[in-house]
Amino acid sequence: MTKPSTAMAQPTVRNGAVAWTGDNPFIYLKRDPQEPWNSLSLYFRIASSPYGSGRAAIVVENPYQAEDPSACRLVLTDNAEMARFLVREFVSRFLLFRPSPVMDQLEYVDGARFEETLDGDDWTEQASAGGRSIALTWRGLGEPFAVDVPGPESGTGAHEMFAVFRIAQAGEVTVDGRRLPGSTVERDFLNGRGQSAGFAMSETWVEDL
């Protein structure tokens, strides 16, 4: 009788340049579930990128209307080169941001300071710089699950994306003390349904070969 193999599977090194790796939580809000998105907000905590490490909080209010003097379109960061790279090469190519005519008009404020607050399953990231402030809060974060998104299906269509997600039950965005209107909505997400706010942790984008 042939003995079962005891050989262990060998690790595989993934070919392709690592564009960046870190955390990338998101909060997308609507006033009415049937209307376009009222605001799209992202937070980046980057461990490695072509422009080094750093953090950035991004808020794009009324993203699909070019002219709106009252809308917040703000980036607070401690690494402006990195933040511009992320917006130019990734955020602007993400599905919900692609139709926006304002992605090259964002206001960048460098030298930001960041603070995080954990309260059970609620998580808040705060950024402040030059008299401006952004606070992003995720409420009721769910259980983590891992994903591997092939290049053709990823946000850029050119990078394979690996991440661990925790979907929130709700999310809030405050800019300069003003809470943005709207709430999260349920939507299709990966292979299921989830609210339009969540944490993408250990997110890594690798050039698709």
C-alpha atoms as a PDB file:
ATOM      1  CA  MET A   1       0.000   0.000   0.000  1.00  0.00           C
ATOM      2  CA  THR A   2       1.306   3.448  -0.958  1.00  0.00           C
ATOM      3  CA  LYS A   3       1.858   5.755   1.956  1.00  0.00           C
ATOM      4  CA  PRO A   4       0.211   9.216   1.712  1.00  0.00           C
ATOM      5  CA  SER A   5       2.593  11.994   0.791  1.00  0.00           C
ATOM      6  CA  THR A   6       3.858  14.052   3.676  1.00  0.00           C
ATOM      7  CA  ALA A   7       5.353  16.743   1.430  1.00  0.00           C
ATOM      8  CA  MET A   8       4.294  20.234   2.416  1.00  0.00           C
ATOM      9  CA  ALA A   9       3.106  22.812  -0.077  1.00  0.00           C
ATOM     10  CA  GLN A  10       5.817  25.300  -0.903  1.00  0.00           C
ATOM     11  CA  PRO A  11       5.319  29.057  -0.511  1.00  0.00           C
ATOM     12  CA  THR A  12       4.845  31.025  -3.702  1.00  0.00           C
ATOM     13  CA  VAL A  13       6.458  34.389  -4.344  1.00  0.00           C
ATOM     14  CA  ARG A  14       4.017  36.657  -6.181  1.00  0.00           C
ATOM     15  CA  ASN A  15       5.685  38.291  -9.201  1.00  0.00           C
ATOM     16  CA  GLY A  16       4.919  41.924  -9.981  1.00  0.00           C
ATOM     17  CA  ALA A  17       5.819  45.237  -8.364  1.00  0.00           C
ATOM     18  CA  VAL A  18       4.040  46.147  -5.121  1.00  0.00           C
ATOM     19  CA  ALA A  19       2.410  49.524  -5.765  1.00  0.00           C
ATOM     20  CA  TRP A  20       1.497  50.104  -2.112  1.00  0.00           C
ATOM     21  CA  THR A  21       0.467  48.301   1.029  1.00  0.00           C
ATOM     22  CA  GLY A  22      -1.397  49.525   4.093  1.00  0.00           C
ATOM     23  CA  ASP A  23      -4.936  50.232   5.326  1.00  0.00           C
ATOM     24  CA  ASN A  24      -7.684  51.887   3.269  1.00  0.00           C
ATOM     25  CA  PRO A  25     -11.019  52.325   5.093  1.00  0.00           C
ATOM     26  CA  PHE A  26     -13.925  53.983   3.260  1.00  0.00           C
ATOM     27  CA  ILE A  27     -17.234  55.729   3.986  1.00  0.00           C
ATOM     28  CA  TYR A  28     -19.675  56.485   1.168  1.00  0.00           C
ATOM     29  CA  LEU A  29     -22.835  58.452   2.042  1.00  0.00           C
ATOM     30  CA  LYS A  30     -26.172  59.143   0.351  1.00  0.00           C
ATOM     31  CA  ARG A  31     -29.068  61.404   1.303  1.00  0.00           C
ATOM     32  CA  ASP A  32     -31.449  59.117  -0.590  1.00  0.00           C
ATOM     33  CA  PRO A  33     -30.660  55.496  -1.533  1.00  0.00           C
ATOM     34  CA  GLN A  34     -32.060  56.169  -5.032  1.00  0.00           C
ATOM     35  CA  GLU A  35     -29.921  59.274  -5.630  1.00  0.00           C
ATOM     36  CA  PRO A  36     -26.201  59.611  -6.502  1.00  0.00           C
ATOM     37  CA  TRP A  37     -23.574  59.500  -3.749  1.00  0.00           C
ATOM     38  CA  ASN A  38     -23.493  62.672  -1.665  1.00  0.00           C
ATOM     39  CA  SER A  39     -19.913  62.139  -0.470  1.00  0.00           C
ATOM     40  CA  LEU A  40     -17.042  59.704  -0.948  1.00  0.00           C
ATOM     41  CA  SER A  41     -14.430  59.524   1.820  1.00  0.00           C
ATOM     42  CA  LEU A  42     -11.290  57.443   2.230  1.00  0.00           C
ATOM     43  CA  TYR A  43      -8.536  57.084   4.783  1.00  0.00           C
ATOM     44  CA  PHE A  44      -5.080  55.725   3.947  1.00  0.00           C
ATOM     45  CA  ARG A  45      -2.438  54.475   6.376  1.00  0.00           C
ATOM     46  CA  ILE A  46       0.380  53.454   4.039  1.00  0.00           C
ATOM     47  CA  ALA A  47       3.283  51.273   5.161  1.00  0.00           C
ATOM     48  CA  SER A  48       5.093  51.269   1.809  1.00  0.00           C
ATOM     49  CA  SER A  49       4.733  53.028  -1.559  1.00  0.00           C
ATOM     50  CA  PRO A  50       7.035  54.579  -4.196  1.00  0.00           C
ATOM     51  CA  TYR A  51       6.712  57.799  -2.179  1.00  0.00           C
ATOM     52  CA  GLY A  52       7.308  56.295   1.234  1.00  0.00           C
ATOM     53  CA  SER A  53       4.900  55.803   4.107  1.00  0.00           C
ATOM     54  CA  GLY A  54       2.292  58.153   5.505  1.00  0.00           C
ATOM     55  CA  ARG A  55      -1.366  58.892   6.027  1.00  0.00           C
ATOM     56  CA  ALA A  56      -4.086  60.723   4.137  1.00  0.00           C
ATOM     57  CA  ALA A  57      -7.750  61.507   4.803  1.00  0.00           C
ATOM     58  CA  ILE A  58      -9.744  62.286   1.653  1.00  0.00           C
ATOM     59  CA  VAL A  59     -13.264  63.745   1.465  1.00  0.00           C
ATOM     60  CA  VAL A  60     -14.998  64.437  -1.849  1.00  0.00           C
ATOM     61  CA  GLU A  61     -18.416  65.969  -1.280  1.00  0.00           C
ATOM     62  CA  ASN A  62     -20.919  66.177  -4.146  1.00  0.00           C
ATOM     63  CA  PRO A  63     -18.377  64.313  -6.303  1.00  0.00           C
ATOM     64  CA  TYR A  64     -20.299  64.368  -9.595  1.00  0.00           C
ATOM     65  CA  GLN A  65     -20.955  68.110  -9.849  1.00  0.00           C
ATOM     66  CA  ALA A  66     -18.027  70.135 -11.172  1.00  0.00           C
ATOM     67  CA  GLU A  67     -19.094  73.509  -9.766  1.00  0.00           C
ATOM     68  CA  ASP A  68     -20.143  73.578  -6.124  1.00  0.00           C
ATOM     69  CA  PRO A  69     -18.344  76.202  -3.999  1.00  0.00           C
ATOM     70  CA  SER A  70     -19.871  74.844  -0.809  1.00  0.00           C
ATOM     71  CA  ALA A  71     -18.663  71.252  -1.336  1.00  0.00           C
ATOM     72  CA  CYS A  72     -15.681  69.915   0.609  1.00  0.00           C
ATOM     73  CA  ARG A  73     -13.015  68.382  -1.642  1.00  0.00           C
ATOM     74  CA  LEU A  74     -10.161  68.064   0.815  1.00  0.00           C
ATOM     75  CA  VAL A  75      -7.072  65.937   1.449  1.00  0.00           C
ATOM     76  CA  LEU A  76      -5.248  66.150   4.789  1.00  0.00           C
ATOM     77  CA  THR A  77      -1.940  64.300   4.747  1.00  0.00           C
ATOM     78  CA  ASP A  78       1.536  64.022   6.246  1.00  0.00           C
ATOM     79  CA  ASN A  79       3.037  63.054   2.866  1.00  0.00           C
ATOM     80  CA  ALA A  80       1.664  65.142  -0.003  1.00  0.00           C
ATOM     81  CA  GLU A  81       3.603  63.330  -2.751  1.00  0.00           C
ATOM     82  CA  MET A  82       2.246  60.002  -1.570  1.00  0.00           C
ATOM     83  CA  ALA A  83      -1.308  61.369  -1.321  1.00  0.00           C
ATOM     84  CA  ARG A  84      -1.201  62.788  -4.858  1.00  0.00           C
ATOM     85  CA  PHE A  85       0.125  59.461  -6.151  1.00  0.00           C
ATOM     86  CA  LEU A  86      -2.713  57.550  -4.482  1.00  0.00           C
ATOM     87  CA  VAL A  87      -5.362  59.914  -5.839  1.00  0.00           C
ATOM     88  CA  ARG A  88      -3.873  60.046  -9.332  1.00  0.00           C
ATOM     89  CA  GLU A  89      -3.079  56.362  -9.854  1.00  0.00           C
ATOM     90  CA  PHE A  90      -5.692  54.644  -7.685  1.00  0.00           C
ATOM     91  CA  VAL A  91      -8.553  56.659  -6.175  1.00  0.00           C
ATOM     92  CA  SER A  92      -9.407  58.380  -9.471  1.00  0.00           C
ATOM     93  CA  ARG A  93      -9.674  54.939 -11.073  1.00  0.00           C
ATOM     94  CA  PHE A  94     -11.905  53.377  -8.408  1.00  0.00           C
ATOM     95  CA  LEU A  95     -15.422  52.662  -9.684  1.00  0.00           C
ATOM     96  CA  LEU A  96     -17.340  55.334  -7.753  1.00  0.00           C
ATOM     97  CA  PHE A  97     -14.686  58.007  -8.305  1.00  0.00           C
ATOM     98  CA  ARG A  98     -14.219  57.498 -12.061  1.00  0.00           C
ATOM     99  CA  PRO A  99     -17.205  59.657 -13.100  1.00  0.00           C
ATOM    100  CA  SER A 100     -16.125  62.550 -10.861  1.00  0.00           C
ATOM    101  CA  PRO A 101     -14.927  65.667 -12.729  1.00  0.00           C
ATOM    102  CA  VAL A 102     -13.234  67.120  -9.627  1.00  0.00           C
ATOM    103  CA  MET A 103     -10.478  64.635  -8.786  1.00  0.00           C
ATOM    104  CA  ASP A 104      -7.769  66.949 -10.150  1.00  0.00           C
ATOM    105  CA  GLN A 105      -9.163  69.876  -8.164  1.00  0.00           C
ATOM    106  CA  LEU A 106      -8.788  68.568  -4.622  1.00  0.00           C
ATOM    107  CA  GLU A 107      -7.275  70.808  -1.950  1.00  0.00           C
ATOM    108  CA  TYR A 108      -4.167  69.219  -0.395  1.00  0.00           C
ATOM    109  CA  VAL A 109      -3.045  70.304   3.068  1.00  0.00           C
ATOM    110  CA  ASP A 110       0.282  68.801   4.163  1.00  0.00           C
ATOM    111  CA  GLY A 111       1.743  68.450   7.649  1.00  0.00           C
ATOM    112  CA  ALA A 112      -1.365  66.812   9.088  1.00  0.00           C
ATOM    113  CA  ARG A 113      -1.492  65.171  12.495  1.00  0.00           C
ATOM    114  CA  PHE A 114      -3.531  62.001  12.972  1.00  0.00           C
ATOM    115  CA  GLU A 115      -5.221  60.369  15.925  1.00  0.00           C
ATOM    116  CA  GLU A 116      -7.280  57.199  16.196  1.00  0.00           C
ATOM    117  CA  THR A 117      -9.894  56.246  18.776  1.00  0.00           C
ATOM    118  CA  LEU A 118     -11.192  52.720  19.399  1.00  0.00           C
ATOM    119  CA  ASP A 119     -14.406  52.108  21.342  1.00  0.00           C
ATOM    120  CA  GLY A 120     -15.517  48.499  21.112  1.00  0.00           C
ATOM    121  CA  ASP A 121     -16.499  47.912  17.482  1.00  0.00           C
ATOM    122  CA  ASP A 122     -16.470  51.661  16.705  1.00  0.00           C
ATOM    123  CA  TRP A 123     -13.348  53.206  15.173  1.00  0.00           C
ATOM    124  CA  THR A 124     -12.593  56.907  14.534  1.00  0.00           C
ATOM    125  CA  GLU A 125      -9.705  58.365  12.548  1.00  0.00           C
ATOM    126  CA  GLN A 126      -9.082  62.106  12.943  1.00  0.00           C
ATOM    127  CA  ALA A 127      -6.789  64.365  10.917  1.00  0.00           C
ATOM    128  CA  SER A 128      -5.979  68.049  11.424  1.00  0.00           C
ATOM    129  CA  ALA A 129      -3.745  70.545   9.612  1.00  0.00           C
ATOM    130  CA  GLY A 130      -3.738  74.252   8.835  1.00  0.00           C
ATOM    131  CA  GLY A 131      -6.922  74.887  10.769  1.00  0.00           C
ATOM    132  CA  ARG A 132      -8.784  72.159   8.866  1.00  0.00           C
ATOM    133  CA  SER A 133     -10.032  68.874  10.306  1.00  0.00           C
ATOM    134  CA  ILE A 134     -11.558  65.585   9.166  1.00  0.00           C
ATOM    135  CA  ALA A 135     -13.071  62.894  11.398  1.00  0.00           C
ATOM    136  CA  LEU A 136     -14.190  59.539   9.994  1.00  0.00           C
ATOM    137  CA  THR A 137     -16.127  57.114  12.210  1.00  0.00           C
ATOM    138  CA  TRP A 138     -17.034  53.488  11.474  1.00  0.00           C
ATOM    139  CA  ARG A 139     -19.714  52.033  13.749  1.00  0.00           C
ATOM    140  CA  GLY A 140     -20.311  48.354  14.423  1.00  0.00           C
ATOM    141  CA  LEU A 141     -17.423  46.815  12.506  1.00  0.00           C
ATOM    142  CA  GLY A 142     -18.145  43.224  11.569  1.00  0.00           C
ATOM    143  CA  GLU A 143     -16.030  40.104  11.496  1.00  0.00           C
ATOM    144  CA  PRO A 144     -12.938  40.187   9.256  1.00  0.00           C
ATOM    145  CA  PHE A 145     -12.739  38.251   6.004  1.00  0.00           C
ATOM    146  CA  ALA A 146      -9.959  37.957   3.437  1.00  0.00           C
ATOM    147  CA  VAL A 147     -10.161  38.628  -0.314  1.00  0.00           C
ATOM    148  CA  ASP A 148      -7.953  38.215  -3.377  1.00  0.00           C
ATOM    149  CA  VAL A 149      -9.290  40.318  -6.258  1.00  0.00           C
ATOM    150  CA  PRO A 150      -7.799  39.532  -9.703  1.00  0.00           C
ATOM    151  CA  GLY A 151      -6.425  42.395 -11.780  1.00  0.00           C
ATOM    152  CA  PRO A 152      -9.280  42.627 -14.323  1.00  0.00           C
ATOM    153  CA  GLU A 153     -11.832  42.888 -11.501  1.00  0.00           C
ATOM    154  CA  SER A 154      -9.886  45.265  -9.222  1.00  0.00           C
ATOM    155  CA  GLY A 155     -10.429  48.992  -8.875  1.00  0.00           C
ATOM    156  CA  THR A 156      -7.699  49.857 -11.363  1.00  0.00           C
ATOM    157  CA  GLY A 157      -8.033  46.883 -13.683  1.00  0.00           C
ATOM    158  CA  ALA A 158      -4.243  46.635 -13.668  1.00  0.00           C
ATOM    159  CA  HIS A 159      -3.387  45.413 -10.147  1.00  0.00           C
ATOM    160  CA  GLU A 160      -4.228  42.319  -8.154  1.00  0.00           C
ATOM    161  CA  MET A 161      -5.533  43.384  -4.759  1.00  0.00           C
ATOM    162  CA  PHE A 162      -5.248  41.473  -1.481  1.00  0.00           C
ATOM    163  CA  ALA A 163      -6.957  42.686   1.700  1.00  0.00           C
ATOM    164  CA  VAL A 164      -8.788  41.851   4.909  1.00  0.00           C
ATOM    165  CA  PHE A 165     -12.180  43.598   5.180  1.00  0.00           C
ATOM    166  CA  ARG A 166     -14.446  44.474   8.093  1.00  0.00           C
ATOM    167  CA  ILE A 167     -17.769  45.932   6.971  1.00  0.00           C
ATOM    168  CA  ALA A 168     -19.380  48.523   9.276  1.00  0.00           C
ATOM    169  CA  GLN A 169     -23.039  48.911  10.164  1.00  0.00           C
ATOM    170  CA  ALA A 170     -22.831  52.686   9.687  1.00  0.00           C
ATOM    171  CA  GLY A 171     -20.378  55.513   9.084  1.00  0.00           C
ATOM    172  CA  GLU A 172     -20.079  59.237   9.780  1.00  0.00           C
ATOM    173  CA  VAL A 173     -17.924  62.003   8.279  1.00  0.00           C
ATOM    174  CA  THR A 174     -17.238  65.376   9.884  1.00  0.00           C
ATOM    175  CA  VAL A 175     -15.245  68.172   8.230  1.00  0.00           C
ATOM    176  CA  ASP A 176     -14.245  71.308  10.162  1.00  0.00           C
ATOM    177  CA  GLY A 177     -16.880  70.448  12.763  1.00  0.00           C
ATOM    178  CA  ARG A 178     -19.678  70.011  10.189  1.00  0.00           C
ATOM    179  CA  ARG A 179     -21.174  66.556   9.901  1.00  0.00           C
ATOM    180  CA  LEU A 180     -21.766  65.707   6.260  1.00  0.00           C
ATOM    181  CA  PRO A 181     -25.364  64.842   5.367  1.00  0.00           C
ATOM    182  CA  GLY A 182     -26.379  61.356   4.359  1.00  0.00           C
ATOM    183  CA  SER A 183     -25.951  57.829   5.634  1.00  0.00           C
ATOM    184  CA  THR A 184     -24.487  54.557   4.458  1.00  0.00           C
ATOM    185  CA  VAL A 185     -26.613  52.315   2.248  1.00  0.00           C
ATOM    186  CA  GLU A 186     -26.643  48.591   1.584  1.00  0.00           C
ATOM    187  CA  ARG A 187     -25.055  47.631  -1.737  1.00  0.00           C
ATOM    188  CA  ASP A 188     -23.462  44.752  -3.584  1.00  0.00           C
ATOM    189  CA  PHE A 189     -19.951  44.224  -2.254  1.00  0.00           C
ATOM    190  CA  LEU A 190     -17.572  41.537  -3.475  1.00  0.00           C
ATOM    191  CA  ASN A 191     -19.584  38.279  -3.260  1.00  0.00           C
ATOM    192  CA  GLY A 192     -22.315  39.560  -0.968  1.00  0.00           C
ATOM    193  CA  ARG A 193     -24.101  42.605   0.427  1.00  0.00           C
ATOM    194  CA  GLY A 194     -22.891  45.176   2.914  1.00  0.00           C
ATOM    195  CA  GLN A 195     -23.151  48.763   4.045  1.00  0.00           C
ATOM    196  CA  SER A 196     -21.124  51.372   2.147  1.00  0.00           C
ATOM    197  CA  ALA A 197     -18.585  51.802   4.945  1.00  0.00           C
ATOM    198  CA  GLY A 198     -15.847  49.493   6.095  1.00  0.00           C
ATOM    199  CA  PHE A 199     -12.201  48.828   6.823  1.00  0.00           C
ATOM    200  CA  ALA A 200      -9.780  47.403   4.295  1.00  0.00           C
ATOM    201  CA  MET A 201      -6.790  46.288   6.358  1.00  0.00           C
ATOM    202  CA  SER A 202      -3.436  44.996   5.162  1.00  0.00           C
ATOM    203  CA  GLU A 203      -4.505  46.055   1.662  1.00  0.00           C
ATOM    204  CA  THR A 204      -1.842  45.389  -0.980  1.00  0.00           C
ATOM    205  CA  TRP A 205      -1.916  46.287  -4.664  1.00  0.00           C
ATOM    206  CA  VAL A 206       0.425  44.286  -6.906  1.00  0.00           C
ATOM    207  CA  GLU A 207       1.054  44.947 -10.584  1.00  0.00           C
ATOM    208  CA  ASP A 208      -0.938  42.391 -12.535  1.00  0.00           C
ATOM    209  CA  LEU A 209       1.285  40.401 -14.943  1.00  0.00           C
END
